[in-house]
Protein backbone atom coordinates (compact mmCIF):
# COMPACT_ATOMS: atom_id res chain seq x y z
CA MET A 1 -11.03 -6.86 -4.07
CA ASN A 2 -8.64 -7.15 -1.23
CA VAL A 3 -6.06 -4.30 -1.26
CA LEU A 4 -3.10 -3.91 1.21
CA PHE A 5 -1.37 -0.83 1.16
CA ILE A 6 2.15 -0.64 2.40
CA CYS A 7 4.67 2.09 3.28
CA ASN A 8 7.50 2.43 5.67
CA GLN A 9 5.87 2.98 9.25
CA ASN A 10 2.27 2.47 8.63
CA GLU A 11 1.69 5.71 10.09
CA ASN A 12 0.81 8.25 7.44
CA ARG A 13 0.34 7.20 3.49
CA SER A 14 -0.73 3.52 3.92
CA LYS A 15 -3.25 4.40 7.10
CA THR A 16 -4.54 7.26 4.97
CA ALA A 17 -4.89 5.05 1.83
CA GLU A 18 -6.63 2.34 3.97
CA GLU A 19 -9.11 4.74 5.49
CA ILE A 20 -10.25 6.79 2.32
CA PHE A 21 -10.37 3.57 0.00
CA LYS A 22 -12.26 1.18 2.24
CA ASP A 23 -15.66 1.98 0.60
CA ARG A 24 -14.19 1.06 -2.74
CA PHE A 25 -12.20 -1.95 -1.69
CA LYS A 26 -11.49 -4.38 0.98
CA THR A 27 -8.55 -2.72 2.63
CA LYS A 28 -5.81 -2.99 5.28
CA SER A 29 -2.81 -1.46 5.64
CA ALA A 30 1.08 -2.28 7.02
CA GLY A 31 4.44 -1.11 7.41
CA LEU A 32 7.77 -2.67 6.52
CA TYR A 33 10.01 -1.09 9.30
CA ASN A 34 7.66 -0.71 12.11
CA THR A 35 7.25 -2.78 15.37
CA LYS A 36 4.98 -5.21 13.63
CA PRO A 37 5.95 -5.33 10.14
CA VAL A 38 3.83 -6.80 7.33
CA THR A 39 3.57 -10.32 7.37
CA GLU A 40 3.43 -13.11 4.75
CA ARG A 41 -0.43 -13.58 5.76
CA GLN A 42 -1.11 -10.05 4.88
CA ILE A 43 0.40 -10.56 1.59
CA SER A 44 -1.42 -13.68 0.75
CA TRP A 45 -4.56 -12.01 1.67
CA ALA A 46 -4.31 -9.14 -0.81
CA ASP A 47 -5.24 -9.25 -4.46
CA THR A 48 -3.25 -6.30 -4.91
CA VAL A 49 -0.42 -4.76 -2.85
CA ILE A 50 0.13 -1.08 -3.24
CA VAL A 51 3.22 0.51 -2.20
CA MET A 52 3.98 3.77 -1.81
CA GLU A 53 7.69 3.84 -3.14
CA GLU A 54 9.51 1.49 -5.74
CA ALA A 55 11.91 0.62 -2.91
CA GLN A 56 9.10 -0.70 -1.01
CA ARG A 57 8.46 -3.27 -3.59
CA SER A 58 12.01 -4.38 -3.72
CA GLU A 59 11.92 -4.98 0.23
CA ILE A 60 8.88 -7.17 -0.47
CA ALA A 61 10.55 -9.10 -2.97
CA LYS A 62 13.55 -9.75 -0.52
CA LYS A 63 11.36 -10.76 2.40
CA PHE A 64 8.67 -12.82 0.73
CA PRO A 65 9.80 -14.19 -2.72
CA LYS A 66 7.25 -16.52 -3.23
CA GLN A 67 4.19 -14.14 -2.67
CA TYR A 68 5.97 -11.47 -4.72
CA MET A 69 5.93 -13.45 -7.75
CA LEU A 70 2.08 -14.22 -7.41
CA LYS A 71 0.97 -10.88 -6.56
CA ARG A 72 0.37 -7.68 -8.55
CA ILE A 73 2.17 -4.98 -6.78
CA LEU A 74 1.81 -1.44 -7.68
CA SER A 75 3.63 1.63 -6.77
CA LEU A 76 2.12 5.07 -6.24
CA ASP A 77 5.23 6.75 -6.01
CA VAL A 78 4.21 9.01 -2.94
CA PRO A 79 7.16 10.45 -0.86
CA ASP A 80 7.21 10.31 2.69
CA VAL A 81 6.52 13.95 3.44
CA TYR A 82 2.83 13.93 4.35
CA HIS A 83 0.93 13.42 7.56
CA TYR A 84 -1.84 10.95 8.30
CA ASN A 85 -5.11 12.33 6.37
CA GLN A 86 -3.38 15.28 5.24
CA PRO A 87 -5.57 17.05 2.63
CA GLU A 88 -2.61 16.93 0.08
CA LEU A 89 -2.08 13.33 0.64
CA ILE A 90 -5.74 12.45 0.10
CA GLU A 91 -5.83 14.38 -3.25
CA ILE A 92 -2.62 12.68 -4.39
CA LEU A 93 -3.77 9.18 -3.48
CA LYS A 94 -7.17 9.56 -5.17
CA SER A 95 -5.65 10.70 -8.46
CA LYS A 96 -2.93 7.97 -8.45
CA ILE A 97 -5.32 5.13 -7.45
CA ASP A 98 -7.26 5.80 -10.49
CA ASP A 99 -3.98 5.26 -12.60
CA VAL A 100 -3.19 2.23 -11.33
CA LEU A 101 -6.62 0.62 -10.75
CA PRO A 102 -8.97 2.54 -13.23
CA SER A 103 -11.40 -0.42 -14.21
CA VAL A 104 -12.27 -0.79 -10.48
């Protein structure tokens, strides 16, 4: 399964998720508001898009309406208060991924 993790800057949350789940899925990560924001091609690549906050799902819907309707987009509701690979962030991501993708 191709899983694209998205957060605001692609510095902490989505990058950490990409790293810790790469053995479980084919992973990539992207940001919405950084110098190289997520592209239509990246969204199309993904079987599932996982955002860190609900507002990011809305932003994807605005920027990529066609892909938005075709993709499963899930929110983990992880606030932007963590650093890259912070142990607490890793623990939260691992527990929440099982809630949204339990069968994988």
